[in-house]
C-alpha atoms as a PDB file:
ATOM      1  CA  MET A   1      -0.007   0.046   0.018  1.00  0.00           C
ATOM      2  CA  ASP A   2       1.888   2.944  -1.241  1.00  0.00           C
ATOM      3  CA  LYS A   3      -0.596   5.634  -0.732  1.00  0.00           C
ATOM      4  CA  LYS A   4      -1.733   7.097   2.686  1.00  0.00           C
ATOM      5  CA  ILE A   5      -5.092   5.605   3.679  1.00  0.00           C
ATOM      6  CA  PRO A   6      -6.625   6.965   6.848  1.00  0.00           C
ATOM      7  CA  ASN A   7      -7.064   4.592   9.850  1.00  0.00           C
ATOM      8  CA  ASN A   8     -10.150   6.241  11.029  1.00  0.00           C
ATOM      9  CA  THR A   9     -13.667   7.285   9.599  1.00  0.00           C
ATOM     10  CA  VAL A  10     -13.659  10.069   6.999  1.00  0.00           C
ATOM     11  CA  THR A  11     -16.867  11.837   6.079  1.00  0.00           C
ATOM     12  CA  ARG A  12     -17.713  11.478   2.405  1.00  0.00           C
ATOM     13  CA  ASP A  13     -20.258  12.836   0.064  1.00  0.00           C
ATOM     14  CA  VAL A  14     -22.698  10.123  -0.916  1.00  0.00           C
ATOM     15  CA  LYS A  15     -23.199  11.757  -4.239  1.00  0.00           C
ATOM     16  CA  ASP A  16     -19.587  11.524  -5.052  1.00  0.00           C
ATOM     17  CA  LEU A  17     -19.528   7.876  -4.214  1.00  0.00           C
ATOM     18  CA  ALA A  18     -22.538   7.073  -6.251  1.00  0.00           C
ATOM     19  CA  ALA A  19     -21.394   9.087  -9.279  1.00  0.00           C
ATOM     20  CA  PRO A  20     -19.323   6.274 -11.038  1.00  0.00           C
ATOM     21  CA  THR A  21     -22.169   3.738 -10.869  1.00  0.00           C
ATOM     22  CA  GLY A  22     -25.056   6.143 -10.872  1.00  0.00           C
ATOM     23  CA  ASN A  23     -26.588   4.299  -7.827  1.00  0.00           C
ATOM     24  CA  ILE A  24     -25.480   4.254  -4.294  1.00  0.00           C
ATOM     25  CA  TYR A  25     -26.607   0.936  -3.549  1.00  0.00           C
ATOM     26  CA  GLU A  26     -24.490  -0.637  -6.430  1.00  0.00           C
ATOM     27  CA  THR A  27     -21.525   1.267  -5.030  1.00  0.00           C
ATOM     28  CA  VAL A  28     -22.145  -0.134  -1.653  1.00  0.00           C
ATOM     29  CA  VAL A  29     -22.302  -3.637  -3.115  1.00  0.00           C
ATOM     30  CA  ILE A  30     -19.145  -3.188  -5.029  1.00  0.00           C
ATOM     31  CA  LEU A  31     -17.351  -1.666  -1.904  1.00  0.00           C
ATOM     32  CA  SER A  32     -18.492  -4.459   0.386  1.00  0.00           C
ATOM     33  CA  LYS A  33     -17.380  -7.312  -2.076  1.00  0.00           C
ATOM     34  CA  ARG A  34     -13.895  -5.527  -2.414  1.00  0.00           C
ATOM     35  CA  ALA A  35     -13.632  -5.013   1.386  1.00  0.00           C
ATOM     36  CA  ASN A  36     -14.421  -8.856   1.876  1.00  0.00           C
ATOM     37  CA  GLN A  37     -11.665  -9.772  -0.638  1.00  0.00           C
ATOM     38  CA  ILE A  38      -9.194  -7.579   1.133  1.00  0.00           C
ATOM     39  CA  ALA A  39     -10.092  -8.949   4.606  1.00  0.00           C
ATOM     40  CA  LEU A  40      -9.825 -12.543   3.360  1.00  0.00           C
ATOM     41  CA  ALA A  41      -6.365 -11.876   1.748  1.00  0.00           C
ATOM     42  CA  GLU A  42      -5.195 -10.256   4.959  1.00  0.00           C
ATOM     43  CA  LYS A  43      -6.618 -13.097   7.062  1.00  0.00           C
ATOM     44  CA  LYS A  44      -4.856 -15.768   4.908  1.00  0.00           C
ATOM     45  CA  GLU A  45      -1.537 -13.770   5.058  1.00  0.00           C
ATOM     46  CA  LEU A  46      -1.547 -13.458   8.818  1.00  0.00           C
ATOM     47  CA  ALA A  47      -2.472 -17.033   9.389  1.00  0.00           C
ATOM     48  CA  LYS A  48       0.471 -18.114   7.155  1.00  0.00           C
ATOM     49  CA  LYS A  49       2.854 -15.957   9.101  1.00  0.00           C
ATOM     50  CA  LEU A  50       1.526 -17.136  12.429  1.00  0.00           C
ATOM     51  CA  GLU A  51       1.635 -20.728  11.409  1.00  0.00           C
ATOM     52  CA  GLU A  52       5.441 -20.579  11.631  1.00  0.00           C
ATOM     53  CA  PHE A  53       5.096 -19.978  15.353  1.00  0.00           C
ATOM     54  CA  ARG A  54       2.742 -22.962  15.997  1.00  0.00           C
ATOM     55  CA  SER A  55       4.143 -26.110  17.420  1.00  0.00           C
ATOM     56  CA  GLU A  56       2.474 -29.458  18.048  1.00  0.00           C
ATOM     57  CA  ARG A  57       3.260 -29.452  21.723  1.00  0.00           C
ATOM     58  CA  ASP A  58       1.557 -26.127  22.529  1.00  0.00           C
ATOM     59  CA  THR A  59      -1.427 -26.485  24.719  1.00  0.00           C
ATOM     60  CA  MET A  60      -3.738 -24.139  26.496  1.00  0.00           C
ATOM     61  CA  ASP A  61      -1.670 -24.502  29.687  1.00  0.00           C
ATOM     62  CA  GLU A  62       1.670 -23.838  27.765  1.00  0.00           C
ATOM     63  CA  VAL A  63       1.234 -20.297  26.587  1.00  0.00           C
ATOM     64  CA  TYR A  64       4.353 -18.239  26.330  1.00  0.00           C
ATOM     65  CA  GLU A  65       5.125 -14.811  24.828  1.00  0.00           C
ATOM     66  CA  ASN A  66       6.791 -14.653  21.475  1.00  0.00           C
ATOM     67  CA  LYS A  67       7.977 -11.228  20.657  1.00  0.00           C
ATOM     68  CA  GLU A  68       7.980 -11.642  16.905  1.00  0.00           C
ATOM     69  CA  GLN A  69       4.455 -13.112  16.891  1.00  0.00           C
ATOM     70  CA  ILE A  70       3.256 -10.048  19.039  1.00  0.00           C
ATOM     71  CA  GLU A  71       4.870  -7.670  16.581  1.00  0.00           C
ATOM     72  CA  ILE A  72       3.409  -9.282  13.538  1.00  0.00           C
ATOM     73  CA  SER A  73      -0.157  -9.142  15.092  1.00  0.00           C
ATOM     74  CA  LYS A  74       0.384  -5.469  15.989  1.00  0.00           C
ATOM     75  CA  TYR A  75       1.430  -4.743  12.345  1.00  0.00           C
ATOM     76  CA  TYR A  76      -1.954  -6.191  11.111  1.00  0.00           C
ATOM     77  CA  GLU A  77      -3.893  -4.413  13.750  1.00  0.00           C
ATOM     78  CA  ARG A  78      -2.392  -1.044  12.584  1.00  0.00           C
ATOM     79  CA  LEU A  79      -3.242  -1.678   8.971  1.00  0.00           C
ATOM     80  CA  PRO A  80      -6.103   0.402   7.552  1.00  0.00           C
ATOM     81  CA  LYS A  81      -9.548  -1.397   7.671  1.00  0.00           C
ATOM     82  CA  PRO A  82     -10.522  -3.249   4.559  1.00  0.00           C
ATOM     83  CA  ASP A  83     -13.510  -1.031   3.951  1.00  0.00           C
ATOM     84  CA  LEU A  84     -11.290   2.109   4.010  1.00  0.00           C
ATOM     85  CA  VAL A  85      -8.978   0.539   1.575  1.00  0.00           C
ATOM     86  CA  ALA A  86     -11.895  -0.442  -0.612  1.00  0.00           C
ATOM     87  CA  ILE A  87     -13.267   3.107  -0.621  1.00  0.00           C
ATOM     88  CA  SER A  88      -9.856   4.629  -1.410  1.00  0.00           C
ATOM     89  CA  GLU A  89      -9.400   2.217  -4.392  1.00  0.00           C
ATOM     90  CA  PHE A  90     -13.040   2.965  -5.613  1.00  0.00           C
ATOM     91  CA  GLU A  91     -12.342   6.746  -5.322  1.00  0.00           C
ATOM     92  CA  ASP A  92      -9.039   6.515  -7.224  1.00  0.00           C
ATOM     93  CA  GLY A  93     -10.715   4.393 -10.065  1.00  0.00           C
ATOM     94  CA  GLU A  94      -8.509   1.381  -9.225  1.00  0.00           C
ATOM     95  CA  LEU A  95     -11.486  -1.070  -9.066  1.00  0.00           C
ATOM     96  CA  TYR A  96     -12.806  -2.979 -12.167  1.00  0.00           C
ATOM     97  CA  TYR A  97     -16.398  -3.921 -11.776  1.00  0.00           C
ATOM     98  CA  ARG A  98     -19.237  -4.786 -14.044  1.00  0.00           C
ATOM     99  CA  THR A  99     -22.881  -5.570 -13.712  1.00  0.00           C
ATOM    100  CA  ALA A 100     -24.758  -8.659 -15.052  1.00  0.00           C
ATOM    101  CA  GLY A 101     -25.299  -8.410 -18.671  1.00  0.00           C
ATOM    102  CA  GLU A 102     -22.595  -5.960 -19.423  1.00  0.00           C
ATOM    103  CA  GLU A 103     -19.319  -6.643 -21.323  1.00  0.00           C
ATOM    104  CA  GLY A 104     -17.083  -4.499 -18.997  1.00  0.00           C
ATOM    105  CA  CYS A 105     -16.995  -1.295 -17.195  1.00  0.00           C
END
């Protein structure tokens, strides 16, 4: 993520968000699907990184602190939320979307 995406809520004009599709509801569907894609990708990436720290002998009684694991978790907690990333991509025209029956958009 090269560009600066805010980590908090930003007030946006609904008319600006609806302009590319002509319908705010279509825009919301596009944004929610993209946010789900981003969240799933981040979840898979985090699980893959944390898998390195898992061992077969770990039990609930045997919990210990691993500084690297904590740092990785904190990094992912500081990332912008998937919905904010999706909105930023949509506003910058980086999303490809199409509706049923269309060749492309």
